[in-house]
Amino acid sequence: MLVANLPPDFRNPLAEAMMPTLSKRIKEEWLDTAVPASLEDMMAYQKSLAQVQEFAKRLDSIKWPGTNGFYDWVTSAPKIWLSKRRETTLDWTRNQLSLGT
């Protein structure tokens, strides 16, 4: 792997420049969309959590900085799921009220 062979004085500034943008895009475009709104999709969500944790561990193993956001996302999974569930329930309720049922 190329990154593992880069000298730290080159790798660290590169990672520090890339990781805020990269982490944000991964979170917004993949991780946040992987959060299920129901219990039926919980197995896939748990697999996603394991994949994110393994990804962060892999980055740590090559000494790539900026993995805290991924670990935080995994640690906050119950809170994230509950927020998504509340949002979905509120949307459903609003929809039902707008239909007059």
Protein backbone atom coordinates (compact mmCIF):
# COMPACT_ATOMS: atom_id res chain seq x y z
CA MET A 1 0.00 0.00 0.00
CA LEU A 2 1.40 3.35 -1.05
CA VAL A 3 0.32 5.23 2.08
CA ALA A 4 2.18 2.81 4.34
CA ASN A 5 5.39 3.56 2.47
CA LEU A 6 5.12 7.34 2.59
CA PRO A 7 7.41 9.09 5.06
CA PRO A 8 5.53 10.50 8.09
CA ASP A 9 6.63 14.07 7.34
CA PHE A 10 4.77 13.82 4.01
CA ARG A 11 1.92 11.52 5.08
CA ASN A 12 0.77 13.47 8.14
CA PRO A 13 0.30 16.88 6.46
CA LEU A 14 -1.42 15.11 3.56
CA ALA A 15 -3.79 13.32 5.93
CA GLU A 16 -4.45 16.46 7.95
CA ALA A 17 -5.41 18.29 4.75
CA MET A 18 -7.55 15.47 3.35
CA MET A 19 -9.28 13.89 6.33
CA PRO A 20 -11.68 16.68 7.36
CA THR A 21 -13.18 16.81 3.86
CA LEU A 22 -12.96 13.09 3.26
CA SER A 23 -14.48 12.20 6.64
CA LYS A 24 -17.32 14.64 6.13
CA ARG A 25 -18.15 13.24 2.68
CA ILE A 26 -18.01 9.64 3.87
CA LYS A 27 -20.27 10.47 6.79
CA GLU A 28 -22.81 12.48 4.80
CA GLU A 29 -22.93 10.37 1.64
CA TRP A 30 -22.56 6.87 3.01
CA LEU A 31 -22.75 6.55 6.78
CA ASP A 32 -25.75 8.77 7.43
CA THR A 33 -27.68 7.10 4.62
CA ALA A 34 -26.89 3.66 6.09
CA VAL A 35 -28.87 4.42 9.26
CA PRO A 36 -32.16 2.49 9.06
CA ALA A 37 -35.47 3.97 10.09
CA SER A 38 -36.85 0.66 11.33
CA LEU A 39 -35.73 -2.42 13.20
CA GLU A 40 -36.07 -4.61 10.10
CA ASP A 41 -32.82 -3.25 8.63
CA MET A 42 -30.86 -3.43 11.88
CA MET A 43 -28.66 -6.35 10.75
CA ALA A 44 -27.37 -4.36 7.77
CA TYR A 45 -26.79 -1.39 10.09
CA GLN A 46 -24.77 -3.53 12.49
CA LYS A 47 -22.67 -4.77 9.56
CA SER A 48 -22.08 -1.16 8.53
CA LEU A 49 -20.96 -0.32 12.06
CA ALA A 50 -18.48 -3.21 12.01
CA GLN A 51 -17.16 -2.12 8.59
CA VAL A 52 -16.66 1.46 9.77
CA GLN A 53 -14.82 0.27 12.87
CA GLU A 54 -12.59 -2.01 10.77
CA PHE A 55 -11.92 0.86 8.35
CA ALA A 56 -10.87 3.11 11.23
CA LYS A 57 -8.65 0.35 12.67
CA ARG A 58 -7.03 -0.11 9.27
CA LEU A 59 -6.30 3.60 9.06
CA ASP A 60 -4.85 3.45 12.58
CA SER A 61 -2.66 0.50 11.62
CA ILE A 62 -1.02 2.55 8.88
CA LYS A 63 -0.79 5.50 11.27
CA TRP A 64 -3.16 7.64 9.21
CA PRO A 65 -4.49 10.42 11.44
CA GLY A 66 -8.10 11.58 11.59
CA THR A 67 -9.95 8.39 12.51
CA ASN A 68 -11.70 9.79 15.58
CA GLY A 69 -14.78 10.82 13.60
CA PHE A 70 -15.32 7.24 12.46
CA TYR A 71 -14.95 5.85 15.97
CA ASP A 72 -17.32 8.54 17.25
CA TRP A 73 -19.91 7.56 14.63
CA VAL A 74 -19.75 3.91 15.71
CA THR A 75 -19.92 4.82 19.40
CA SER A 76 -22.90 7.14 18.79
CA ALA A 77 -24.80 4.54 16.74
CA PRO A 78 -27.68 4.07 19.22
CA LYS A 79 -28.21 7.82 19.51
CA ILE A 80 -27.97 8.28 15.73
CA TRP A 81 -30.49 5.49 15.14
CA LEU A 82 -32.91 6.90 17.72
CA SER A 83 -32.73 10.35 16.11
CA LYS A 84 -33.42 8.83 12.69
CA ARG A 85 -36.34 6.82 14.11
CA ARG A 86 -37.85 9.92 15.74
CA GLU A 87 -37.45 11.90 12.53
CA THR A 88 -39.16 9.16 10.51
CA THR A 89 -42.00 8.86 13.02
CA LEU A 90 -42.56 12.61 13.07
CA ASP A 91 -42.59 12.74 9.27
CA TRP A 92 -45.14 9.92 9.17
CA THR A 93 -47.31 11.68 11.76
CA ARG A 94 -47.16 14.99 9.91
CA ASN A 95 -48.07 13.23 6.68
CA GLN A 96 -51.06 11.53 8.32
CA LEU A 97 -52.25 14.83 9.80
CA SER A 98 -51.93 16.59 6.46
CA LEU A 99 -54.09 13.85 4.89
CA GLY A 100 -56.70 14.41 7.58
CA THR A 101 -56.51 10.93 9.09
